[in-house]
C-alpha atoms as a PDB file:
ATOM      1  CA  MET A   1      95.476 100.929 113.853  1.00  0.00           C
ATOM      2  CA  ALA A   2      98.491 103.133 113.080  1.00  0.00           C
ATOM      3  CA  ASP A   3     101.378 101.971 110.954  1.00  0.00           C
ATOM      4  CA  THR A   4     103.914 102.693 113.689  1.00  0.00           C
ATOM      5  CA  THR A   5     104.363 104.582 116.941  1.00  0.00           C
ATOM      6  CA  ALA A   6     105.900 107.877 118.022  1.00  0.00           C
ATOM      7  CA  GLU A   7     107.736 108.056 121.325  1.00  0.00           C
ATOM      8  CA  TRP A   8     107.968 111.158 123.538  1.00  0.00           C
ATOM      9  CA  SER A   9     111.481 112.059 124.606  1.00  0.00           C
ATOM     10  CA  LEU A  10     112.112 114.570 127.395  1.00  0.00           C
ATOM     11  CA  SER A  11     115.360 115.873 128.847  1.00  0.00           C
ATOM     12  CA  LEU A  12     116.357 118.382 131.506  1.00  0.00           C
ATOM     13  CA  ASP A  13     119.632 119.704 130.164  1.00  0.00           C
ATOM     14  CA  THR A  14     122.124 121.781 132.120  1.00  0.00           C
ATOM     15  CA  GLN A  15     125.789 122.698 131.933  1.00  0.00           C
ATOM     16  CA  CYS A  16     128.368 122.734 134.720  1.00  0.00           C
ATOM     17  CA  PRO A  17     129.411 126.340 135.371  1.00  0.00           C
ATOM     18  CA  GLN A  18     132.950 125.150 136.182  1.00  0.00           C
ATOM     19  CA  CYS A  19     133.970 122.683 133.464  1.00  0.00           C
ATOM     20  CA  LYS A  20     131.110 123.357 130.973  1.00  0.00           C
ATOM     21  CA  HIS A  21     130.169 119.651 130.793  1.00  0.00           C
ATOM     22  CA  ALA A  22     126.587 119.334 129.471  1.00  0.00           C
ATOM     23  CA  PHE A  23     124.363 116.677 131.059  1.00  0.00           C
ATOM     24  CA  ASP A  24     120.737 115.633 131.578  1.00  0.00           C
ATOM     25  CA  LEU A  25     119.291 115.957 135.094  1.00  0.00           C
ATOM     26  CA  ARG A  26     116.260 113.796 134.288  1.00  0.00           C
ATOM     27  CA  HIS A  27     117.960 110.572 135.392  1.00  0.00           C
ATOM     28  CA  GLU A  28     119.025 112.204 138.659  1.00  0.00           C
ATOM     29  CA  LEU A  29     115.422 113.211 139.392  1.00  0.00           C
ATOM     30  CA  VAL A  30     114.152 109.671 138.849  1.00  0.00           C
ATOM     31  CA  ASP A  31     116.567 108.403 141.504  1.00  0.00           C
ATOM     32  CA  SER A  32     115.938 111.233 143.996  1.00  0.00           C
ATOM     33  CA  ALA A  33     113.168 112.062 146.444  1.00  0.00           C
ATOM     34  CA  ALA A  34     112.350 115.225 144.450  1.00  0.00           C
ATOM     35  CA  ASN A  35     108.724 115.179 143.372  1.00  0.00           C
ATOM     36  CA  VAL A  36     109.006 117.136 140.121  1.00  0.00           C
ATOM     37  CA  GLN A  37     106.572 116.762 137.223  1.00  0.00           C
ATOM     38  CA  ALA A  38     107.658 116.921 133.579  1.00  0.00           C
ATOM     39  CA  CYS A  39     107.958 120.539 132.399  1.00  0.00           C
ATOM     40  CA  GLU A  40     107.410 121.901 135.934  1.00  0.00           C
ATOM     41  CA  THR A  41     108.933 125.344 136.348  1.00  0.00           C
ATOM     42  CA  ASP A  42     109.051 128.200 138.860  1.00  0.00           C
ATOM     43  CA  THR A  43     108.061 126.122 141.900  1.00  0.00           C
ATOM     44  CA  VAL A  44     109.820 125.518 145.210  1.00  0.00           C
ATOM     45  CA  ALA A  45     111.067 122.149 143.925  1.00  0.00           C
ATOM     46  CA  THR A  46     112.428 123.614 140.687  1.00  0.00           C
ATOM     47  CA  ARG A  47     114.243 126.688 142.042  1.00  0.00           C
ATOM     48  CA  ASP A  48     117.769 126.407 143.444  1.00  0.00           C
ATOM     49  CA  TYR A  49     117.865 122.646 142.817  1.00  0.00           C
ATOM     50  CA  GLU A  50     121.165 121.296 144.156  1.00  0.00           C
ATOM     51  CA  THR A  51     123.187 119.065 141.876  1.00  0.00           C
ATOM     52  CA  ALA A  52     126.771 118.106 141.082  1.00  0.00           C
ATOM     53  CA  CYS A  53     128.578 117.691 137.800  1.00  0.00           C
ATOM     54  CA  PRO A  54     129.124 114.006 136.984  1.00  0.00           C
ATOM     55  CA  GLU A  55     132.349 114.944 135.180  1.00  0.00           C
ATOM     56  CA  CYS A  56     134.236 117.156 137.672  1.00  0.00           C
ATOM     57  CA  GLY A  57     132.116 116.873 140.843  1.00  0.00           C
ATOM     58  CA  HIS A  58     131.480 120.635 141.126  1.00  0.00           C
ATOM     59  CA  GLU A  59     128.353 121.300 143.221  1.00  0.00           C
ATOM     60  CA  PHE A  60     125.970 124.021 142.029  1.00  0.00           C
ATOM     61  CA  THR A  61     122.290 124.996 141.917  1.00  0.00           C
ATOM     62  CA  VAL A  62     119.992 125.297 138.922  1.00  0.00           C
ATOM     63  CA  ASP A  63     116.521 126.708 138.217  1.00  0.00           C
ATOM     64  CA  PHE A  64     114.352 124.576 135.943  1.00  0.00           C
ATOM     65  CA  ILE A  65     112.807 126.423 132.987  1.00  0.00           C
ATOM     66  CA  TYR A  66     110.491 125.319 130.213  1.00  0.00           C
END
């Protein structure tokens, strides 16, 4: 048995084009109906994804890249 464990950590980072606030979309995806797999890119679900900045409320779209 190993001495300890290693934990995977994933994020889906973006930045608001209006106020430049950086945030992680991963938590938003968990709570939404979007069926997106980790590291998924260039699919219907990962192009023009609609979101809003949690800081200023600006609505914008993002494309997921890996």
